[in-house]
Amino acid sequence: MQDLDWNDLRYILLLSRTGRIAGAARELGVNETTVARRIARLERLLGVRLFERNAGHLTPTDRGHIVISRAERIELDVESVKDSVRNADRLEVGKVRVTAVPLVLNHILIPALAAFLQSHPGLQIELVADPRNLSVTNREADIALRMTRPESEHRVIARRVGTFEFAVYAASTQQRGLPWITYDAYWSNLPQARWMAEAIASDPTSETFVTVNDSELAFNAVRAGLGRSLLPCRIADGFPGLSRLSGAKSILSREMWMIVHPDLKHLARVRAVISWIEQIMSERPI
């Protein structure tokens, strides 16, 4: 037995609605012979008569009504698929993958995420905490937050969303004699790592017992009382148990950039996340 063809069902639907082969042919943009042939094919395939001729008007048989009813459901499903595809770019529905260093995700995005998802129930946010630079160009992430302006990636949209100020913090108000918590050799070119390296070199009494490869590790090591380190003021200021040792003025600043692939910027779900990130970055000085 041959498979049913949706196009054949379209012919039976239009014929049931117009009542005449000529009317169905006009609606479908074909000739009358084609309509008659497709209806005959469907009747042979199903083994039943679908229409009765009555005074020049074609009316569905009982079996024809059954087929028409099922065909109307299929028609609605097909139109629903078309509408979903057409509206996909305009709906705030689906998954958005956001990558940033763990410190930014843990202390800036995650605390604000519940309220955002509550107001955008159709969205799914995939957070990727990775100190490496996942490629937006290669679609490893939809949105990336970085503390450096992208230079190596082409065909991306880069937008500065704020500036992070850094200062020296410790879990003690006593700075003298505290060892430094700095970064390993791989991350030694970070601005905060270079600043601490210069501070250590200028003070013969300075010591370093702990090195890390991630700013979240540095933050937790400081909280644990292992020493002092350069941390973002937005995160460390006001954090219970931490004290700023370097005074009111920040030591250095780093720009925060949001990176988006240009092919994704028109998607409503991506635009919603972009606006959310911009909002939380501007809520208080960073």
Protein backbone atom coordinates (compact mmCIF):
# COMPACT_ATOMS: atom_id res chain seq x y z
CA MET A 1 0.00 0.00 0.00
CA GLN A 2 1.28 3.42 -0.96
CA ASP A 3 1.78 6.06 1.71
CA LEU A 4 -0.69 8.88 2.09
CA ASP A 5 0.49 12.14 0.57
CA TRP A 6 -0.34 15.39 2.42
CA ASN A 7 -0.79 17.07 -0.95
CA ASP A 8 -3.58 14.62 -1.80
CA LEU A 9 -5.28 15.55 1.47
CA ARG A 10 -5.05 19.21 0.49
CA TYR A 11 -7.00 18.38 -2.67
CA ILE A 12 -9.79 16.68 -0.73
CA LEU A 13 -9.97 19.60 1.72
CA LEU A 14 -10.32 22.22 -1.02
CA LEU A 15 -12.84 20.09 -2.88
CA SER A 16 -14.96 19.70 0.26
CA ARG A 17 -14.87 23.47 0.82
CA THR A 18 -15.71 24.53 -2.74
CA GLY A 19 -17.96 21.60 -3.70
CA ARG A 20 -16.71 21.70 -7.27
CA ILE A 21 -13.62 20.45 -9.04
CA ALA A 22 -13.31 23.78 -10.87
CA GLY A 23 -13.36 25.69 -7.58
CA ALA A 24 -10.74 23.44 -6.00
CA ALA A 25 -8.56 23.79 -9.11
CA ARG A 26 -8.68 27.59 -8.86
CA GLU A 27 -7.75 27.53 -5.17
CA LEU A 28 -4.87 25.14 -5.77
CA GLY A 29 -3.63 26.81 -8.95
CA VAL A 30 -3.90 23.64 -11.06
CA ASN A 31 -6.20 22.41 -13.81
CA GLU A 32 -9.38 20.41 -13.21
CA THR A 33 -7.86 17.21 -14.60
CA THR A 34 -5.17 17.30 -11.92
CA VAL A 35 -7.76 17.67 -9.16
CA ALA A 36 -9.85 14.78 -10.50
CA ARG A 37 -6.74 12.61 -10.86
CA ARG A 38 -5.53 13.30 -7.30
CA ILE A 39 -8.97 12.58 -5.78
CA ALA A 40 -9.20 9.34 -7.77
CA ARG A 41 -5.73 8.37 -6.60
CA LEU A 42 -6.68 8.94 -2.97
CA GLU A 43 -9.90 6.94 -3.36
CA ARG A 44 -7.95 4.02 -4.88
CA LEU A 45 -5.38 4.25 -2.09
CA LEU A 46 -8.04 4.17 0.65
CA GLY A 47 -10.36 1.79 -1.16
CA VAL A 48 -13.42 3.95 -0.51
CA ARG A 49 -15.51 6.52 -2.34
CA LEU A 50 -14.96 9.98 -0.85
CA PHE A 51 -17.49 12.14 -2.76
CA GLU A 52 -20.94 11.80 -4.26
CA ARG A 53 -22.08 13.95 -7.15
CA ASN A 54 -25.40 15.72 -6.49
CA ALA A 55 -26.75 18.14 -9.10
CA GLY A 56 -23.25 19.07 -10.19
CA HIS A 57 -22.11 19.57 -6.61
CA LEU A 58 -19.71 17.16 -4.90
CA THR A 59 -20.58 16.25 -1.31
CA PRO A 60 -18.47 14.08 0.97
CA THR A 61 -19.58 10.54 1.76
CA ASP A 62 -19.56 9.28 5.34
CA ARG A 63 -16.05 7.90 4.76
CA GLY A 64 -15.16 11.16 3.08
CA HIS A 65 -16.17 13.12 6.19
CA ILE A 66 -13.86 10.93 8.29
CA VAL A 67 -10.92 11.60 5.97
CA ILE A 68 -11.71 15.33 5.82
CA SER A 69 -11.89 15.56 9.61
CA ARG A 70 -8.45 13.96 9.97
CA ALA A 71 -7.06 16.07 7.13
CA GLU A 72 -8.23 19.26 8.87
CA ARG A 73 -6.29 18.28 11.99
CA ILE A 74 -3.19 17.66 9.89
CA GLU A 75 -3.70 21.03 8.19
CA LEU A 76 -3.79 22.75 11.59
CA ASP A 77 -0.59 20.95 12.65
CA VAL A 78 1.16 21.95 9.42
CA GLU A 79 0.11 25.58 9.85
CA SER A 80 1.25 25.47 13.46
CA VAL A 81 4.68 24.27 12.35
CA LYS A 82 4.87 27.07 9.79
CA ASP A 83 3.86 29.68 12.36
CA SER A 84 6.37 28.35 14.88
CA VAL A 85 9.19 28.58 12.35
CA ARG A 86 8.14 32.04 11.18
CA ASN A 87 7.83 33.35 14.73
CA ALA A 88 10.85 31.59 16.21
CA ASP A 89 13.06 34.65 15.84
CA ARG A 90 10.44 36.84 17.55
CA LEU A 91 9.72 34.61 20.54
CA GLU A 92 11.67 34.67 23.78
CA VAL A 93 11.81 30.89 23.81
CA GLY A 94 14.73 28.47 23.81
CA LYS A 95 18.23 28.06 25.17
CA VAL A 96 20.94 30.72 25.39
CA ARG A 97 24.49 29.67 26.27
CA VAL A 98 26.45 32.24 28.28
CA THR A 99 30.11 31.85 29.19
CA ALA A 100 32.24 33.84 31.62
CA VAL A 101 34.84 33.24 34.29
CA PRO A 102 33.38 31.49 37.37
CA LEU A 103 33.69 34.61 39.55
CA VAL A 104 31.40 36.64 37.28
CA LEU A 105 28.84 33.85 36.90
CA ASN A 106 28.75 33.00 40.61
CA HIS A 107 28.58 36.51 42.03
CA ILE A 108 26.91 38.63 39.34
CA LEU A 109 24.74 36.57 36.99
CA ILE A 110 23.49 33.75 39.21
CA PRO A 111 22.17 36.01 42.03
CA ALA A 112 20.02 37.84 39.46
CA LEU A 113 19.01 34.80 37.42
CA ALA A 114 15.90 33.65 39.32
CA ALA A 115 14.06 36.94 38.81
CA PHE A 116 15.00 37.00 35.12
CA LEU A 117 13.76 33.46 34.47
CA GLN A 118 10.55 34.19 36.34
CA SER A 119 9.81 37.04 33.94
CA HIS A 120 10.97 35.00 30.90
CA PRO A 121 9.46 31.53 31.46
CA GLY A 122 10.22 30.35 27.92
CA LEU A 123 13.98 30.78 28.25
CA GLN A 124 16.64 28.31 29.29
CA ILE A 125 20.03 29.69 30.33
CA GLU A 126 23.10 27.47 30.02
CA LEU A 127 25.96 28.91 32.07
CA VAL A 128 29.47 27.78 31.17
CA ALA A 129 32.04 28.68 33.81
CA ASP A 130 35.34 28.51 32.00
CA PRO A 131 38.43 30.69 32.42
CA ARG A 132 39.36 29.89 28.82
CA ASN A 133 37.92 31.95 26.00
CA LEU A 134 35.23 29.83 24.41
CA SER A 135 34.73 30.87 20.80
CA VAL A 136 31.59 32.80 19.94
CA THR A 137 32.62 32.64 16.28
CA ASN A 138 32.58 28.84 16.39
CA ARG A 139 29.29 28.86 18.34
CA GLU A 140 30.85 27.39 21.48
CA ALA A 141 28.78 30.03 23.26
CA ASP A 142 26.01 32.44 22.24
CA ILE A 143 27.18 35.22 24.56
CA ALA A 144 30.58 35.63 26.19
CA LEU A 145 31.57 38.02 28.98
CA ARG A 146 35.26 38.86 29.01
CA MET A 147 37.56 41.30 30.70
CA THR A 148 39.42 41.98 27.46
CA ARG A 149 38.19 43.34 24.17
CA PRO A 150 38.26 40.55 21.57
CA GLU A 151 41.01 40.84 19.00
CA SER A 152 41.40 37.34 17.60
CA GLU A 153 37.73 36.62 16.91
CA HIS A 154 36.28 37.96 13.69
CA ARG A 155 32.64 38.57 12.83
CA VAL A 156 31.53 39.21 16.38
CA ILE A 157 29.71 42.09 18.01
CA ALA A 158 31.59 43.43 21.02
CA ARG A 159 29.98 45.83 23.47
CA ARG A 160 31.54 47.24 26.63
CA VAL A 161 29.11 46.72 29.50
CA GLY A 162 31.16 48.10 32.37
CA THR A 163 34.49 48.45 34.12
CA PHE A 164 35.68 46.32 37.02
CA GLU A 165 37.74 48.11 39.63
CA PHE A 166 40.28 46.06 41.61
CA ALA A 167 41.76 46.51 45.08
CA VAL A 168 43.69 44.44 47.63
CA TYR A 169 41.52 42.39 50.00
CA ALA A 170 42.10 39.98 52.85
CA ALA A 171 40.16 38.27 55.59
CA SER A 172 42.10 40.39 58.06
CA THR A 173 42.61 44.09 58.60
CA GLN A 174 46.31 43.46 59.24
CA GLN A 175 48.22 43.76 55.97
CA ARG A 176 51.80 43.45 57.21
CA GLY A 177 53.16 39.94 56.88
CA LEU A 178 50.21 38.58 54.90
CA PRO A 179 51.34 36.39 52.00
CA TRP A 180 50.11 37.09 48.48
CA ILE A 181 47.69 34.85 46.63
CA THR A 182 48.60 35.28 43.01
CA TYR A 183 48.29 33.49 39.67
CA ASP A 184 50.31 30.65 38.19
CA ALA A 185 52.67 31.10 35.25
CA TYR A 186 49.99 30.44 32.63
CA TRP A 187 47.95 33.42 33.87
CA SER A 188 50.89 35.64 34.77
CA ASN A 189 49.98 38.16 32.04
CA LEU A 190 46.69 39.09 33.69
CA PRO A 191 46.79 42.77 34.73
CA GLN A 192 46.11 41.88 38.37
CA ALA A 193 48.81 39.17 38.26
CA ARG A 194 51.35 41.64 36.84
CA TRP A 195 50.48 44.22 39.48
CA MET A 196 50.95 41.69 42.29
CA ALA A 197 54.22 40.47 40.76
CA GLU A 198 55.53 44.05 40.85
CA ALA A 199 54.34 44.49 44.44
CA ILE A 200 56.09 41.28 45.47
CA ALA A 201 59.28 42.24 43.65
CA SER A 202 59.37 45.63 45.37
CA ASP A 203 59.03 44.16 48.87
CA PRO A 204 61.74 41.67 49.90
CA THR A 205 59.62 40.50 52.83
CA SER A 206 56.68 39.49 50.63
CA GLU A 207 55.85 35.81 50.43
CA THR A 208 53.59 33.68 48.26
CA PHE A 209 52.41 30.29 49.44
CA VAL A 210 49.35 29.87 47.22
CA THR A 211 48.96 30.37 43.47
CA VAL A 212 45.75 29.85 41.51
CA ASN A 213 44.60 29.66 37.91
CA ASP A 214 41.21 31.30 38.37
CA SER A 215 39.85 34.44 40.03
CA GLU A 216 37.14 32.49 41.89
CA LEU A 217 39.89 30.40 43.50
CA ALA A 218 41.72 33.58 44.49
CA PHE A 219 38.51 34.96 46.01
CA ASN A 220 37.87 31.79 48.02
CA ALA A 221 41.50 31.57 49.13
CA VAL A 222 41.29 35.13 50.47
CA ARG A 223 38.02 34.31 52.26
CA ALA A 224 39.71 31.29 53.83
CA GLY A 225 42.38 33.54 55.34
CA LEU A 226 45.23 32.24 53.19
CA GLY A 227 46.49 35.70 52.34
CA ARG A 228 45.75 38.84 50.35
CA SER A 229 45.01 39.29 46.67
CA LEU A 230 43.68 41.70 44.09
CA LEU A 231 39.92 41.22 43.74
CA PRO A 232 37.06 43.02 41.94
CA CYS A 233 35.60 45.70 44.21
CA ARG A 234 32.02 45.03 43.09
CA ILE A 235 32.23 41.50 44.43
CA ALA A 236 34.55 41.90 47.41
CA ASP A 237 33.25 45.19 48.84
CA GLY A 238 30.71 44.49 51.52
CA PHE A 239 31.34 40.75 51.44
CA PRO A 240 31.20 39.49 55.04
CA GLY A 241 34.64 38.93 56.50
CA LEU A 242 36.64 40.71 53.79
CA SER A 243 38.52 43.95 54.28
CA ARG A 244 39.90 46.30 51.65
CA LEU A 245 43.54 46.87 52.53
CA SER A 246 44.57 49.23 49.75
CA GLY A 247 42.43 52.24 50.67
CA ALA A 248 39.39 53.80 49.07
CA LYS A 249 41.00 54.28 45.66
CA SER A 250 41.09 51.28 43.34
CA ILE A 251 44.43 49.99 42.12
CA LEU A 252 43.54 49.07 38.55
CA SER A 253 40.49 48.64 36.36
CA ARG A 254 39.51 46.19 33.65
CA GLU A 255 36.77 46.60 31.06
CA MET A 256 34.02 44.02 30.83
CA TRP A 257 33.00 43.18 27.27
CA MET A 258 29.98 41.28 26.03
CA ILE A 259 30.62 39.29 22.83
CA VAL A 260 27.78 38.10 20.57
CA HIS A 261 27.78 36.41 17.17
CA PRO A 262 26.11 38.74 14.61
CA ASP A 263 23.92 35.92 13.27
CA LEU A 264 22.28 35.63 16.70
CA LYS A 265 21.67 39.27 17.57
CA HIS A 266 18.21 39.33 15.93
CA LEU A 267 16.90 36.39 17.96
CA ALA A 268 14.46 37.52 20.64
CA ARG A 269 15.83 35.07 23.20
CA VAL A 270 19.38 36.36 22.72
CA ARG A 271 18.25 40.01 22.80
CA ALA A 272 16.44 39.34 26.08
CA VAL A 273 19.59 37.95 27.70
CA ILE A 274 21.71 40.81 26.34
CA SER A 275 19.33 43.37 27.86
CA TRP A 276 19.33 41.50 31.17
CA ILE A 277 23.13 41.42 31.35
CA GLU A 278 23.35 45.11 30.51
CA GLN A 279 20.80 45.87 33.22
CA ILE A 280 22.51 43.96 36.02
CA MET A 281 25.90 45.34 35.02
CA SER A 282 24.54 48.89 35.35
CA GLU A 283 22.63 48.41 38.61
CA ARG A 284 25.62 49.40 40.73
CA PRO A 285 29.19 50.51 40.09
CA ILE A 286 31.54 47.77 39.11
